[in-house]
C-alpha atoms as a PDB file:
ATOM      1  CA  MET A   1      39.574 -23.074  -5.649  1.00  0.00           C
ATOM      2  CA  PRO A   2      37.604 -24.734  -8.489  1.00  0.00           C
ATOM      3  CA  ARG A   3      35.508 -26.597  -5.902  1.00  0.00           C
ATOM      4  CA  LEU A   4      34.687 -23.327  -4.124  1.00  0.00           C
ATOM      5  CA  LEU A   5      33.670 -21.724  -7.407  1.00  0.00           C
ATOM      6  CA  SER A   6      31.461 -24.658  -8.389  1.00  0.00           C
ATOM      7  CA  GLU A   7      29.769 -24.642  -4.954  1.00  0.00           C
ATOM      8  CA  PHE A   8      29.155 -20.908  -5.296  1.00  0.00           C
ATOM      9  CA  LEU A   9      27.541 -21.361  -8.715  1.00  0.00           C
ATOM     10  CA  ILE A  10      25.341 -24.231  -7.503  1.00  0.00           C
ATOM     11  CA  ASP A  11      24.184 -22.538  -4.279  1.00  0.00           C
ATOM     12  CA  GLU A  12      20.746 -20.932  -4.700  1.00  0.00           C
ATOM     13  CA  SER A  13      19.990 -20.017  -1.086  1.00  0.00           C
ATOM     14  CA  GLY A  14      19.660 -16.261  -1.680  1.00  0.00           C
ATOM     15  CA  ALA A  15      18.102 -16.396  -5.136  1.00  0.00           C
ATOM     16  CA  THR A  16      14.492 -16.290  -3.947  1.00  0.00           C
ATOM     17  CA  SER A  17      14.914 -13.162  -1.862  1.00  0.00           C
ATOM     18  CA  ILE A  18      16.651 -11.413  -4.747  1.00  0.00           C
ATOM     19  CA  GLU A  19      13.832 -12.401  -7.087  1.00  0.00           C
ATOM     20  CA  TYR A  20      11.236 -11.029  -4.663  1.00  0.00           C
ATOM     21  CA  ALA A  21      13.223  -7.807  -4.354  1.00  0.00           C
ATOM     22  CA  ILE A  22      13.311  -7.407  -8.136  1.00  0.00           C
ATOM     23  CA  ILE A  23       9.549  -8.006  -8.331  1.00  0.00           C
ATOM     24  CA  ALA A  24       8.949  -5.463  -5.546  1.00  0.00           C
ATOM     25  CA  VAL A  25      11.047  -2.837  -7.327  1.00  0.00           C
ATOM     26  CA  GLY A  26       9.193  -3.452 -10.588  1.00  0.00           C
ATOM     27  CA  LEU A  27       5.807  -3.126  -8.910  1.00  0.00           C
ATOM     28  CA  SER A  28       6.922   0.042  -7.135  1.00  0.00           C
ATOM     29  CA  ILE A  29       7.940   1.615 -10.433  1.00  0.00           C
ATOM     30  CA  VAL A  30       4.592   0.697 -12.010  1.00  0.00           C
ATOM     31  CA  ILE A  31       2.609   2.059  -9.054  1.00  0.00           C
ATOM     32  CA  LEU A  32       4.570   5.314  -8.883  1.00  0.00           C
ATOM     33  CA  THR A  33       4.193   5.869 -12.622  1.00  0.00           C
ATOM     34  CA  ALA A  34       0.445   5.230 -12.452  1.00  0.00           C
ATOM     35  CA  VAL A  35      -0.007   7.587  -9.501  1.00  0.00           C
ATOM     36  CA  GLN A  36       1.969  10.305 -11.261  1.00  0.00           C
ATOM     37  CA  LEU A  37      -0.084   9.979 -14.459  1.00  0.00           C
ATOM     38  CA  VAL A  38      -3.392   9.964 -12.589  1.00  0.00           C
ATOM     39  CA  GLY A  39      -2.306  12.976 -10.541  1.00  0.00           C
ATOM     40  CA  THR A  40      -1.360  14.946 -13.639  1.00  0.00           C
ATOM     41  CA  ASN A  41      -4.633  14.153 -15.397  1.00  0.00           C
ATOM     42  CA  LEU A  42      -6.667  14.886 -12.281  1.00  0.00           C
ATOM     43  CA  SER A  43      -4.934  18.239 -11.901  1.00  0.00           C
ATOM     44  CA  LYS A  44      -5.821  19.147 -15.488  1.00  0.00           C
ATOM     45  CA  HIS A  45      -9.469  18.268 -14.892  1.00  0.00           C
ATOM     46  CA  TYR A  46      -9.645  20.366 -11.724  1.00  0.00           C
ATOM     47  CA  GLU A  47      -8.029  23.316 -13.513  1.00  0.00           C
ATOM     48  CA  ALA A  48     -10.589  23.034 -16.321  1.00  0.00           C
ATOM     49  CA  LEU A  49     -13.400  22.830 -13.787  1.00  0.00           C
ATOM     50  CA  ALA A  50     -12.100  25.879 -11.920  1.00  0.00           C
ATOM     51  CA  THR A  51     -11.788  27.838 -15.149  1.00  0.00           C
ATOM     52  CA  ALA A  52     -15.304  26.889 -16.221  1.00  0.00           C
ATOM     53  CA  THR A  53     -16.875  27.865 -12.908  1.00  0.00           C
ATOM     54  CA  THR A  54     -15.077  31.202 -12.555  1.00  0.00           C
ATOM     55  CA  ALA A  55     -15.593  32.278 -16.167  1.00  0.00           C
ATOM     56  CA  LYS A  56     -19.379  32.497 -15.867  1.00  0.00           C
END
């Protein structure tokens, strides 16, 4: 049993794919947050533009 545990702790065969998955999740969160913020700001600008053009 101790040998099996030590082999498990030494084995790094799946570590790279897990690291890439973590990086992909982090990038996805950053991209989604940026898109949401840009969308909100863009919506505010279009509302201001619509108000300015219909008020005159």
